[in-house]
Amino acid sequence: MRIVLVVSVHALAGRAAEVGDAVEELRRESERSPGCEDYRVGRGVYDPSELVVVSTWRDEPSLRAHFASAAYGRYVEAVTPALARPSDVVVHYVDRTVHPIGDASSDPARQG
């Protein structure tokens, strides 16, 4: 079952660039990991010290391997002293994904 991980990362004031660099490095490493299907990073519009990471994993073993990886360990070591508070993490277990084709209206007949 596919897993979507949504993480809000809260950098200390003045340390957003440092945290952002660590998140980007983790993104690059994670995208090469077996089972990583997508990895996106966004910054808060009103507060650039807030980052949102949305990653999609093929299955739970892939996600567990990610958290056990050396890259994730380096990330934790780098960002922990620069965080205002612990990251908010939400894990979604997804049994089906639909990608609208052409017209993205809510008409089910128009979805792929």
PDB file of N, CA and C in Angstrom:
ATOM      1  N   MET A   1       0.839  -1.174   0.000  1.00  0.00           N
ATOM      2  CA  MET A   1       0.000   0.000   0.000  1.00  0.00           C
ATOM      3  C   MET A   1       0.888   1.243   0.000  1.00  0.00           C
ATOM      4  N   ARG A   2       0.615   2.151  -0.887  1.00  0.00           N
ATOM      5  CA  ARG A   2       1.368   3.397  -1.013  1.00  0.00           C
ATOM      6  C   ARG A   2       1.204   4.233   0.260  1.00  0.00           C
ATOM      7  N   ILE A   3       2.263   4.976   0.606  1.00  0.00           N
ATOM      8  CA  ILE A   3       2.246   5.824   1.791  1.00  0.00           C
ATOM      9  C   ILE A   3       2.635   7.243   1.391  1.00  0.00           C
ATOM     10  N   VAL A   4       1.848   8.220   1.865  1.00  0.00           N
ATOM     11  CA  VAL A   4       2.165   9.630   1.662  1.00  0.00           C
ATOM     12  C   VAL A   4       2.506  10.213   3.021  1.00  0.00           C
ATOM     13  N   LEU A   5       3.698  10.768   3.113  1.00  0.00           N
ATOM     14  CA  LEU A   5       4.202  11.338   4.350  1.00  0.00           C
ATOM     15  C   LEU A   5       4.179  12.860   4.202  1.00  0.00           C
ATOM     16  N   VAL A   6       3.526  13.556   5.140  1.00  0.00           N
ATOM     17  CA  VAL A   6       3.474  15.016   5.130  1.00  0.00           C
ATOM     18  C   VAL A   6       4.134  15.497   6.420  1.00  0.00           C
ATOM     19  N   VAL A   7       5.188  16.299   6.264  1.00  0.00           N
ATOM     20  CA  VAL A   7       5.969  16.749   7.414  1.00  0.00           C
ATOM     21  C   VAL A   7       6.077  18.269   7.382  1.00  0.00           C
ATOM     22  N   SER A   8       5.730  18.907   8.492  1.00  0.00           N
ATOM     23  CA  SER A   8       5.934  20.346   8.658  1.00  0.00           C
ATOM     24  C   SER A   8       7.161  20.534   9.535  1.00  0.00           C
ATOM     25  N   VAL A   9       8.142  21.255   9.019  1.00  0.00           N
ATOM     26  CA  VAL A   9       9.414  21.465   9.709  1.00  0.00           C
ATOM     27  C   VAL A   9       9.470  22.930  10.143  1.00  0.00           C
ATOM     28  N   HIS A  10       9.790  23.178  11.410  1.00  0.00           N
ATOM     29  CA  HIS A  10       9.734  24.515  12.001  1.00  0.00           C
ATOM     30  C   HIS A  10      11.133  24.969  12.423  1.00  0.00           C
ATOM     31  N   ALA A  11      11.783  25.737  11.565  1.00  0.00           N
ATOM     32  CA  ALA A  11      13.146  26.203  11.849  1.00  0.00           C
ATOM     33  C   ALA A  11      13.124  27.369  12.841  1.00  0.00           C
ATOM     34  N   LEU A  12      14.184  27.465  13.618  1.00  0.00           N
ATOM     35  CA  LEU A  12      14.366  28.622  14.487  1.00  0.00           C
ATOM     36  C   LEU A  12      14.558  29.862  13.622  1.00  0.00           C
ATOM     37  N   ALA A  13      14.158  31.006  14.148  1.00  0.00           N
ATOM     38  CA  ALA A  13      14.388  32.267  13.444  1.00  0.00           C
ATOM     39  C   ALA A  13      15.877  32.404  13.165  1.00  0.00           C
ATOM     40  N   GLY A  14      16.206  32.771  11.941  1.00  0.00           N
ATOM     41  CA  GLY A  14      17.595  32.938  11.557  1.00  0.00           C
ATOM     42  C   GLY A  14      18.299  31.667  11.118  1.00  0.00           C
ATOM     43  N   ARG A  15      17.612  30.524  11.211  1.00  0.00           N
ATOM     44  CA  ARG A  15      18.270  29.261  10.823  1.00  0.00           C
ATOM     45  C   ARG A  15      17.515  28.540   9.705  1.00  0.00           C
ATOM     46  N   ALA A  16      16.599  29.261   9.069  1.00  0.00           N
ATOM     47  CA  ALA A  16      15.785  28.658   8.008  1.00  0.00           C
ATOM     48  C   ALA A  16      16.632  28.180   6.835  1.00  0.00           C
ATOM     49  N   ALA A  17      17.647  28.932   6.463  1.00  0.00           N
ATOM     50  CA  ALA A  17      18.497  28.531   5.328  1.00  0.00           C
ATOM     51  C   ALA A  17      19.229  27.239   5.642  1.00  0.00           C
ATOM     52  N   GLU A  18      19.741  27.123   6.846  1.00  0.00           N
ATOM     53  CA  GLU A  18      20.446  25.922   7.285  1.00  0.00           C
ATOM     54  C   GLU A  18      19.531  24.696   7.258  1.00  0.00           C
ATOM     55  N   VAL A  19      18.320  24.870   7.789  1.00  0.00           N
ATOM     56  CA  VAL A  19      17.358  23.760   7.785  1.00  0.00           C
ATOM     57  C   VAL A  19      16.945  23.444   6.356  1.00  0.00           C
ATOM     58  N   GLY A  20      16.706  24.474   5.555  1.00  0.00           N
ATOM     59  CA  GLY A  20      16.337  24.269   4.155  1.00  0.00           C
ATOM     60  C   GLY A  20      17.387  23.501   3.385  1.00  0.00           C
ATOM     61  N   ASP A  21      18.653  23.807   3.631  1.00  0.00           N
ATOM     62  CA  ASP A  21      19.745  23.086   2.961  1.00  0.00           C
ATOM     63  C   ASP A  21      19.733  21.608   3.354  1.00  0.00           C
ATOM     64  N   ALA A  22      19.505  21.330   4.645  1.00  0.00           N
ATOM     65  CA  ALA A  22      19.470  19.934   5.108  1.00  0.00           C
ATOM     66  C   ALA A  22      18.287  19.194   4.508  1.00  0.00           C
ATOM     67  N   VAL A  23      17.143  19.861   4.404  1.00  0.00           N
ATOM     68  CA  VAL A  23      15.953  19.238   3.803  1.00  0.00           C
ATOM     69  C   VAL A  23      16.217  18.939   2.328  1.00  0.00           C
ATOM     70  N   GLU A  24      16.844  19.879   1.627  1.00  0.00           N
ATOM     71  CA  GLU A  24      17.144  19.666   0.200  1.00  0.00           C
ATOM     72  C   GLU A  24      18.120  18.515   0.002  1.00  0.00           C
ATOM     73  N   GLU A  25      19.117  18.409   0.879  1.00  0.00           N
ATOM     74  CA  GLU A  25      20.052  17.295   0.770  1.00  0.00           C
ATOM     75  C   GLU A  25      19.329  15.964   0.993  1.00  0.00           C
ATOM     76  N   LEU A  26      18.440  15.938   1.986  1.00  0.00           N
ATOM     77  CA  LEU A  26      17.673  14.721   2.234  1.00  0.00           C
ATOM     78  C   LEU A  26      16.781  14.405   1.034  1.00  0.00           C
ATOM     79  N   ARG A  27      16.202  15.424   0.409  1.00  0.00           N
ATOM     80  CA  ARG A  27      15.365  15.202  -0.773  1.00  0.00           C
ATOM     81  C   ARG A  27      16.178  14.543  -1.879  1.00  0.00           C
ATOM     82  N   ARG A  28      17.356  15.072  -2.151  1.00  0.00           N
ATOM     83  CA  ARG A  28      18.200  14.504  -3.221  1.00  0.00           C
ATOM     84  C   ARG A  28      18.542  13.046  -2.935  1.00  0.00           C
ATOM     85  N   GLU A  29      18.915  12.753  -1.708  1.00  0.00           N
ATOM     86  CA  GLU A  29      19.244  11.373  -1.321  1.00  0.00           C
ATOM     87  C   GLU A  29      18.013  10.478  -1.398  1.00  0.00           C
ATOM     88  N   SER A  30      16.887  10.984  -0.915  1.00  0.00           N
ATOM     89  CA  SER A  30      15.665  10.167  -0.858  1.00  0.00           C
ATOM     90  C   SER A  30      15.142   9.827  -2.242  1.00  0.00           C
ATOM     91  N   GLU A  31      15.256  10.767  -3.172  1.00  0.00           N
ATOM     92  CA  GLU A  31      14.765  10.515  -4.526  1.00  0.00           C
ATOM     93  C   GLU A  31      15.481   9.347  -5.193  1.00  0.00           C
ATOM     94  N   ARG A  32      16.677   9.035  -4.738  1.00  0.00           N
ATOM     95  CA  ARG A  32      17.426   7.892  -5.280  1.00  0.00           C
ATOM     96  C   ARG A  32      17.156   6.605  -4.505  1.00  0.00           C
ATOM     97  N   SER A  33      16.383   6.705  -3.435  1.00  0.00           N
ATOM     98  CA  SER A  33      16.112   5.531  -2.599  1.00  0.00           C
ATOM     99  C   SER A  33      15.087   4.619  -3.245  1.00  0.00           C
ATOM    100  N   PRO A  34      15.287   3.300  -3.152  1.00  0.00           N
ATOM    101  CA  PRO A  34      14.276   2.369  -3.651  1.00  0.00           C
ATOM    102  C   PRO A  34      12.955   2.604  -2.910  1.00  0.00           C
ATOM    103  N   GLY A  35      11.890   2.700  -3.664  1.00  0.00           N
ATOM    104  CA  GLY A  35      10.571   2.870  -3.068  1.00  0.00           C
ATOM    105  C   GLY A  35      10.106   4.297  -2.950  1.00  0.00           C
ATOM    106  N   CYS A  36      11.001   5.271  -3.148  1.00  0.00           N
ATOM    107  CA  CYS A  36      10.578   6.673  -3.125  1.00  0.00           C
ATOM    108  C   CYS A  36       9.972   7.008  -4.486  1.00  0.00           C
ATOM    109  N   GLU A  37       8.708   7.369  -4.494  1.00  0.00           N
ATOM    110  CA  GLU A  37       8.016   7.675  -5.751  1.00  0.00           C
ATOM    111  C   GLU A  37       7.967   9.172  -6.035  1.00  0.00           C
ATOM    112  N   ASP A  38       8.014   9.995  -4.989  1.00  0.00           N
ATOM    113  CA  ASP A  38       7.968  11.445  -5.166  1.00  0.00           C
ATOM    114  C   ASP A  38       8.441  12.101  -3.882  1.00  0.00           C
ATOM    115  N   TYR A  39       9.057  13.275  -3.996  1.00  0.00           N
ATOM    116  CA  TYR A  39       9.553  13.988  -2.823  1.00  0.00           C
ATOM    117  C   TYR A  39       9.536  15.467  -3.150  1.00  0.00           C
ATOM    118  N   ARG A  40       8.696  16.218  -2.460  1.00  0.00           N
ATOM    119  CA  ARG A  40       8.552  17.649  -2.745  1.00  0.00           C
ATOM    120  C   ARG A  40       8.727  18.467  -1.482  1.00  0.00           C
ATOM    121  N   VAL A  41       9.310  19.642  -1.656  1.00  0.00           N
ATOM    122  CA  VAL A  41       9.562  20.536  -0.538  1.00  0.00           C
ATOM    123  C   VAL A  41       8.982  21.904  -0.873  1.00  0.00           C
ATOM    124  N   GLY A  42       8.262  22.487   0.092  1.00  0.00           N
ATOM    125  CA  GLY A  42       7.725  23.831  -0.075  1.00  0.00           C
ATOM    126  C   GLY A  42       8.041  24.675   1.146  1.00  0.00           C
ATOM    127  N   ARG A  43       8.041  25.986   0.953  1.00  0.00           N
ATOM    128  CA  ARG A  43       8.284  26.924   2.062  1.00  0.00           C
ATOM    129  C   ARG A  43       7.018  27.711   2.341  1.00  0.00           C
ATOM    130  N   GLY A  44       6.859  28.094   3.604  1.00  0.00           N
ATOM    131  CA  GLY A  44       5.718  28.917   3.972  1.00  0.00           C
ATOM    132  C   GLY A  44       5.751  30.252   3.257  1.00  0.00           C
ATOM    133  N   VAL A  45       4.613  30.692   2.774  1.00  0.00           N
ATOM    134  CA  VAL A  45       4.524  31.975   2.085  1.00  0.00           C
ATOM    135  C   VAL A  45       4.719  33.120   3.081  1.00  0.00           C
ATOM    136  N   TYR A  46       4.081  33.019   4.230  1.00  0.00           N
ATOM    137  CA  TYR A  46       4.141  34.081   5.227  1.00  0.00           C
ATOM    138  C   TYR A  46       5.280  33.893   6.219  1.00  0.00           C
ATOM    139  N   ASP A  47       5.780  32.683   6.331  1.00  0.00           N
ATOM    140  CA  ASP A  47       6.869  32.398   7.262  1.00  0.00           C
ATOM    141  C   ASP A  47       7.841  31.433   6.592  1.00  0.00           C
ATOM    142  N   PRO A  48       8.894  31.965   5.976  1.00  0.00           N
ATOM    143  CA  PRO A  48       9.836  31.104   5.255  1.00  0.00           C
ATOM    144  C   PRO A  48      10.629  30.154   6.150  1.00  0.00           C
ATOM    145  N   SER A  49      10.494  30.291   7.480  1.00  0.00           N
ATOM    146  CA  SER A  49      11.160  29.339   8.374  1.00  0.00           C
ATOM    147  C   SER A  49      10.348  28.054   8.524  1.00  0.00           C
ATOM    148  N   GLU A  50       9.170  28.029   7.929  1.00  0.00           N
ATOM    149  CA  GLU A  50       8.324  26.834   7.932  1.00  0.00           C
ATOM    150  C   GLU A  50       8.482  26.126   6.585  1.00  0.00           C
ATOM    151  N   LEU A  51       8.790  24.839   6.614  1.00  0.00           N
ATOM    152  CA  LEU A  51       8.910  24.043   5.399  1.00  0.00           C
ATOM    153  C   LEU A  51       7.898  22.906   5.458  1.00  0.00           C
ATOM    154  N   VAL A  52       7.404  22.507   4.315  1.00  0.00           N
ATOM    155  CA  VAL A  52       6.510  21.354   4.227  1.00  0.00           C
ATOM    156  C   VAL A  52       7.124  20.367   3.251  1.00  0.00           C
ATOM    157  N   VAL A  53       7.253  19.132   3.704  1.00  0.00           N
ATOM    158  CA  VAL A  53       7.798  18.057   2.881  1.00  0.00           C
ATOM    159  C   VAL A  53       6.681  17.051   2.646  1.00  0.00           C
ATOM    160  N   VAL A  54       6.437  16.736   1.379  1.00  0.00           N
ATOM    161  CA  VAL A  54       5.456  15.715   1.023  1.00  0.00           C
ATOM    162  C   VAL A  54       6.198  14.665   0.207  1.00  0.00           C
ATOM    163  N   SER A  55       6.253  13.459   0.737  1.00  0.00           N
ATOM    164  CA  SER A  55       6.932  12.380   0.019  1.00  0.00           C
ATOM    165  C   SER A  55       5.991  11.190  -0.116  1.00  0.00           C
ATOM    166  N   THR A  56       6.156  10.468  -1.206  1.00  0.00           N
ATOM    167  CA  THR A  56       5.329   9.300  -1.482  1.00  0.00           C
ATOM    168  C   THR A  56       6.240   8.089  -1.576  1.00  0.00           C
ATOM    169  N   TRP A  57       5.845   7.038  -0.878  1.00  0.00           N
ATOM    170  CA  TRP A  57       6.637   5.810  -0.795  1.00  0.00           C
ATOM    171  C   TRP A  57       5.802   4.637  -1.270  1.00  0.00           C
ATOM    172  N   ARG A  58       6.452   3.710  -1.946  1.00  0.00           N
ATOM    173  CA  ARG A  58       5.779   2.544  -2.521  1.00  0.00           C
ATOM    174  C   ARG A  58       5.062   1.720  -1.451  1.00  0.00           C
ATOM    175  N   ASP A  59       5.701   1.562  -0.287  1.00  0.00           N
ATOM    176  CA  ASP A  59       5.132   0.711   0.760  1.00  0.00           C
ATOM    177  C   ASP A  59       5.812   1.008   2.092  1.00  0.00           C
ATOM    178  N   GLU A  60       5.333   0.375   3.145  1.00  0.00           N
ATOM    179  CA  GLU A  60       5.888   0.631   4.471  1.00  0.00           C
ATOM    180  C   GLU A  60       7.345   0.194   4.615  1.00  0.00           C
ATOM    181  N   PRO A  61       7.751  -0.944   4.066  1.00  0.00           N
ATOM    182  CA  PRO A  61       9.179  -1.280   4.161  1.00  0.00           C
ATOM    183  C   PRO A  61      10.083  -0.212   3.533  1.00  0.00           C
ATOM    184  N   SER A  62       9.654   0.399   2.443  1.00  0.00           N
ATOM    185  CA  SER A  62      10.439   1.472   1.814  1.00  0.00           C
ATOM    186  C   SER A  62      10.551   2.676   2.740  1.00  0.00           C
ATOM    187  N   LEU A  63       9.447   3.031   3.379  1.00  0.00           N
ATOM    188  CA  LEU A  63       9.454   4.163   4.300  1.00  0.00           C
ATOM    189  C   LEU A  63      10.330   3.867   5.518  1.00  0.00           C
ATOM    190  N   ARG A  64      10.218   2.666   6.045  1.00  0.00           N
ATOM    191  CA  ARG A  64      11.052   2.291   7.199  1.00  0.00           C
ATOM    192  C   ARG A  64      12.543   2.308   6.831  1.00  0.00           C
ATOM    193  N   ALA A  65      12.863   1.857   5.634  1.00  0.00           N
ATOM    194  CA  ALA A  65      14.257   1.892   5.181  1.00  0.00           C
ATOM    195  C   ALA A  65      14.749   3.339   5.077  1.00  0.00           C
ATOM    196  N   HIS A  66      13.879   4.228   4.642  1.00  0.00           N
ATOM    197  CA  HIS A  66      14.215   5.657   4.572  1.00  0.00           C
ATOM    198  C   HIS A  66      14.592   6.174   5.959  1.00  0.00           C
ATOM    199  N   PHE A  67      13.764   5.891   6.960  1.00  0.00           N
ATOM    200  CA  PHE A  67      14.030   6.376   8.310  1.00  0.00           C
ATOM    201  C   PHE A  67      15.269   5.719   8.931  1.00  0.00           C
ATOM    202  N   ALA A  68      15.645   4.553   8.456  1.00  0.00           N
ATOM    203  CA  ALA A  68      16.828   3.855   8.968  1.00  0.00           C
ATOM    204  C   ALA A  68      18.099   4.212   8.181  1.00  0.00           C
ATOM    205  N   SER A  69      17.966   5.017   7.129  1.00  0.00           N
ATOM    206  CA  SER A  69      19.099   5.298   6.242  1.00  0.00           C
ATOM    207  C   SER A  69      20.098   6.264   6.873  1.00  0.00           C
ATOM    208  N   ALA A  70      21.326   6.197   6.377  1.00  0.00           N
ATOM    209  CA  ALA A  70      22.371   7.121   6.813  1.00  0.00           C
ATOM    210  C   ALA A  70      22.004   8.561   6.451  1.00  0.00           C
ATOM    211  N   ALA A  71      21.371   8.748   5.305  1.00  0.00           N
ATOM    212  CA  ALA A  71      20.979  10.100   4.882  1.00  0.00           C
ATOM    213  C   ALA A  71      19.996  10.715   5.871  1.00  0.00           C
ATOM    214  N   TYR A  72      19.033   9.921   6.334  1.00  0.00           N
ATOM    215  CA  TYR A  72      18.069  10.440   7.302  1.00  0.00           C
ATOM    216  C   TYR A  72      18.760  10.724   8.637  1.00  0.00           C
ATOM    217  N   GLY A  73      19.687   9.879   9.040  1.00  0.00           N
ATOM    218  CA  GLY A  73      20.443  10.108  10.266  1.00  0.00           C
ATOM    219  C   GLY A  73      21.224  11.411  10.213  1.00  0.00           C
ATOM    220  N   ARG A  74      21.858  11.689   9.057  1.00  0.00           N
ATOM    221  CA  ARG A  74      22.587  12.950   8.886  1.00  0.00           C
ATOM    222  C   ARG A  74      21.635  14.137   8.951  1.00  0.00           C
ATOM    223  N   TYR A  75      20.464  13.986   8.346  1.00  0.00           N
ATOM    224  CA  TYR A  75      19.449  15.048   8.377  1.00  0.00           C
ATOM    225  C   TYR A  75      19.052  15.368   9.816  1.00  0.00           C
ATOM    226  N   VAL A  76      18.719  14.352  10.589  1.00  0.00           N
ATOM    227  CA  VAL A  76      18.297  14.552  11.983  1.00  0.00           C
ATOM    228  C   VAL A  76      19.395  15.249  12.772  1.00  0.00           C
ATOM    229  N   GLU A  77      20.617  14.800  12.587  1.00  0.00           N
ATOM    230  CA  GLU A  77      21.747  15.395  13.304  1.00  0.00           C
ATOM    231  C   GLU A  77      21.924  16.865  12.928  1.00  0.00           C
ATOM    232  N   ALA A  78      21.729  17.180  11.656  1.00  0.00           N
ATOM    233  CA  ALA A  78      21.925  18.554  11.183  1.00  0.00           C
ATOM    234  C   ALA A  78      20.814  19.495  11.644  1.00  0.00           C
ATOM    235  N   VAL A  79      19.553  19.036  11.615  1.00  0.00           N
ATOM    236  CA  VAL A  79      18.451  19.969  11.881  1.00  0.00           C
ATOM    237  C   VAL A  79      18.016  20.046  13.337  1.00  0.00           C
ATOM    238  N   THR A  80      18.248  19.029  14.121  1.00  0.00           N
ATOM    239  CA  THR A  80      17.721  19.019  15.490  1.00  0.00           C
ATOM    240  C   THR A  80      18.061  20.290  16.274  1.00  0.00           C
ATOM    241  N   PRO A  81      19.308  20.763  16.266  1.00  0.00           N
ATOM    242  CA  PRO A  81      19.595  21.973  17.040  1.00  0.00           C
ATOM    243  C   PRO A  81      19.009  23.249  16.417  1.00  0.00           C
ATOM    244  N   ALA A  82      18.535  23.170  15.178  1.00  0.00           N
ATOM    245  CA  ALA A  82      18.040  24.353  14.474  1.00  0.00           C
ATOM    246  C   ALA A  82      16.515  24.418  14.409  1.00  0.00           C
ATOM    247  N   LEU A  83      15.833  23.511  15.102  1.00  0.00           N
ATOM    248  CA  LEU A  83      14.368  23.484  15.060  1.00  0.00           C
ATOM    249  C   LEU A  83      13.758  24.239  16.239  1.00  0.00           C
ATOM    250  N   ALA A  84      12.694  24.965  15.960  1.00  0.00           N
ATOM    251  CA  ALA A  84      11.956  25.672  17.005  1.00  0.00           C
ATOM    252  C   ALA A  84      11.148  24.698  17.852  1.00  0.00           C
ATOM    253  N   ARG A  85      10.695  23.636  17.225  1.00  0.00           N
ATOM    254  CA  ARG A  85       9.940  22.586  17.913  1.00  0.00           C
ATOM    255  C   ARG A  85       9.989  21.334  17.037  1.00  0.00           C
ATOM    256  N   PRO A  86       9.598  20.199  17.578  1.00  0.00           N
ATOM    257  CA  PRO A  86       9.610  18.981  16.759  1.00  0.00           C
ATOM    258  C   PRO A  86       8.730  19.128  15.511  1.00  0.00           C
ATOM    259  N   SER A  87       9.118  18.435  14.475  1.00  0.00           N
ATOM    260  CA  SER A  87       8.347  18.452  13.234  1.00  0.00           C
ATOM    261  C   SER A  87       7.006  17.767  13.435  1.00  0.00           C
ATOM    262  N   ASP A  88       5.997  18.263  12.722  1.00  0.00           N
ATOM    263  CA  ASP A  88       4.681  17.627  12.718  1.00  0.00           C
ATOM    264  C   ASP A  88       4.672  16.630  11.572  1.00  0.00           C
ATOM    265  N   VAL A  89       4.357  15.378  11.866  1.00  0.00           N
ATOM    266  CA  VAL A  89       4.400  14.313  10.870  1.00  0.00           C
ATOM    267  C   VAL A  89       3.031  13.656  10.777  1.00  0.00           C
ATOM    268  N   VAL A  90       2.541  13.504   9.537  1.00  0.00           N
ATOM    269  CA  VAL A  90       1.290  12.793   9.280  1.00  0.00           C
ATOM    270  C   VAL A  90       1.584  11.736   8.216  1.00  0.00           C
ATOM    271  N   VAL A  91       1.165  10.504   8.482  1.00  0.00           N
ATOM    272  CA  VAL A  91       1.376   9.396   7.557  1.00  0.00           C
ATOM    273  C   VAL A  91       0.019   8.970   7.023  1.00  0.00           C
ATOM    274  N   HIS A  92      -0.127   8.997   5.692  1.00  0.00           N
ATOM    275  CA  HIS A  92      -1.376   8.590   5.043  1.00  0.00           C
ATOM    276  C   HIS A  92      -1.140   7.264   4.309  1.00  0.00           C
ATOM    277  N   TYR A  93      -1.947   6.267   4.608  1.00  0.00           N
ATOM    278  CA  TYR A  93      -1.900   4.994   3.894  1.00  0.00           C
ATOM    279  C   TYR A  93      -2.947   5.071   2.791  1.00  0.00           C
ATOM    280  N   VAL A  94      -2.495   4.968   1.540  1.00  0.00           N
ATOM    281  CA  VAL A  94      -3.350   5.223   0.386  1.00  0.00           C
ATOM    282  C   VAL A  94      -3.537   3.934  -0.404  1.00  0.00           C
ATOM    283  N   ASP A  95      -4.776   3.538  -0.601  1.00  0.00           N
ATOM    284  CA  ASP A  95      -5.018   2.318  -1.374  1.00  0.00           C
ATOM    285  C   ASP A  95      -5.334   2.610  -2.836  1.00  0.00           C
ATOM    286  N   ARG A  96      -5.571   3.887  -3.165  1.00  0.00           N
ATOM    287  CA  ARG A  96      -5.885   4.222  -4.550  1.00  0.00           C
ATOM    288  C   ARG A  96      -5.582   5.691  -4.797  1.00  0.00           C
ATOM    289  N   THR A  97      -5.037   5.990  -5.975  1.00  0.00           N
ATOM    290  CA  THR A  97      -4.757   7.365  -6.375  1.00  0.00           C
ATOM    291  C   THR A  97      -5.361   7.594  -7.754  1.00  0.00           C
ATOM    292  N   VAL A  98      -6.012   8.732  -7.928  1.00  0.00           N
ATOM    293  CA  VAL A  98      -6.625   9.079  -9.203  1.00  0.00           C
ATOM    294  C   VAL A  98      -5.969  10.353  -9.715  1.00  0.00           C
ATOM    295  N   HIS A  99      -5.520  10.327 -10.956  1.00  0.00           N
ATOM    296  CA  HIS A  99      -4.961  11.505 -11.611  1.00  0.00           C
ATOM    297  C   HIS A  99      -5.953  11.978 -12.665  1.00  0.00           C
ATOM    298  N   PRO A 100      -6.572  13.165 -12.485  1.00  0.00           N
ATOM    299  CA  PRO A 100      -7.506  13.666 -13.495  1.00  0.00           C
ATOM    300  C   PRO A 100      -6.808  13.820 -14.841  1.00  0.00           C
ATOM    301  N   ILE A 101      -7.533  13.524 -15.903  1.00  0.00           N
ATOM    302  CA  ILE A 101      -7.001  13.630 -17.258  1.00  0.00           C
ATOM    303  C   ILE A 101      -7.758  14.748 -17.965  1.00  0.00           C
ATOM    304  N   GLY A 102      -7.018  15.680 -18.533  1.00  0.00           N
ATOM    305  CA  GLY A 102      -7.654  16.771 -19.267  1.00  0.00           C
ATOM    306  C   GLY A 102      -8.386  17.710 -18.338  1.00  0.00           C
ATOM    307  N   ASP A 103      -9.685  17.630 -18.312  1.00  0.00           N
ATOM    308  CA  ASP A 103     -10.533  18.492 -17.499  1.00  0.00           C
ATOM    309  C   ASP A 103     -10.525  17.975 -16.061  1.00  0.00           C
ATOM    310  N   ALA A 104     -10.067  18.788 -15.155  1.00  0.00           N
ATOM    311  CA  ALA A 104      -9.960  18.361 -13.755  1.00  0.00           C
ATOM    312  C   ALA A 104     -11.231  18.653 -12.962  1.00  0.00           C
ATOM    313  N   SER A 105     -12.350  18.675 -13.639  1.00  0.00           N
ATOM    314  CA  SER A 105     -13.606  18.940 -12.926  1.00  0.00           C
ATOM    315  C   SER A 105     -13.924  17.771 -12.019  1.00  0.00           C
ATOM    316  N   SER A 106     -14.938  17.938 -11.232  1.00  0.00           N
ATOM    317  CA  SER A 106     -15.300  16.899 -10.264  1.00  0.00           C
ATOM    318  C   SER A 106     -16.166  15.798 -10.876  1.00  0.00           C
ATOM    319  N   ASP A 107     -16.429  15.841 -12.160  1.00  0.00           N
ATOM    320  CA  ASP A 107     -17.220  14.815 -12.817  1.00  0.00           C
ATOM    321  C   ASP A 107     -16.422  13.514 -12.845  1.00  0.00           C
ATOM    322  N   PRO A 108     -16.856  12.455 -12.109  1.00  0.00           N
ATOM    323  CA  PRO A 108     -16.091  11.209 -12.069  1.00  0.00           C
ATOM    324  C   PRO A 108     -15.826  10.596 -13.435  1.00  0.00           C
ATOM    325  N   ALA A 109     -16.700  10.848 -14.403  1.00  0.00           N
ATOM    326  CA  ALA A 109     -16.510  10.289 -15.743  1.00  0.00           C
ATOM    327  C   ALA A 109     -15.298  10.891 -16.436  1.00  0.00           C
ATOM    328  N   ARG A 110     -14.818  12.029 -15.949  1.00  0.00           N
ATOM    329  CA  ARG A 110     -13.682  12.714 -16.571  1.00  0.00           C
ATOM    330  C   ARG A 110     -12.379  12.431 -15.867  1.00  0.00           C
ATOM    331  N   GLN A 111     -12.390  11.568 -14.882  1.00  0.00           N
ATOM    332  CA  GLN A 111     -11.168  11.252 -14.152  1.00  0.00           C
ATOM    333  C   GLN A 111     -10.645   9.903 -14.619  1.00  0.00           C
ATOM    334  N   GLY A 112      -9.310   9.769 -14.650  1.00  0.00           N
ATOM    335  CA  GLY A 112      -8.682   8.562 -15.179  1.00  0.00           C
ATOM    336  C   GLY A 112      -8.497   7.479 -14.194  1.00  0.00           C
TER     337      GLY A 112
END
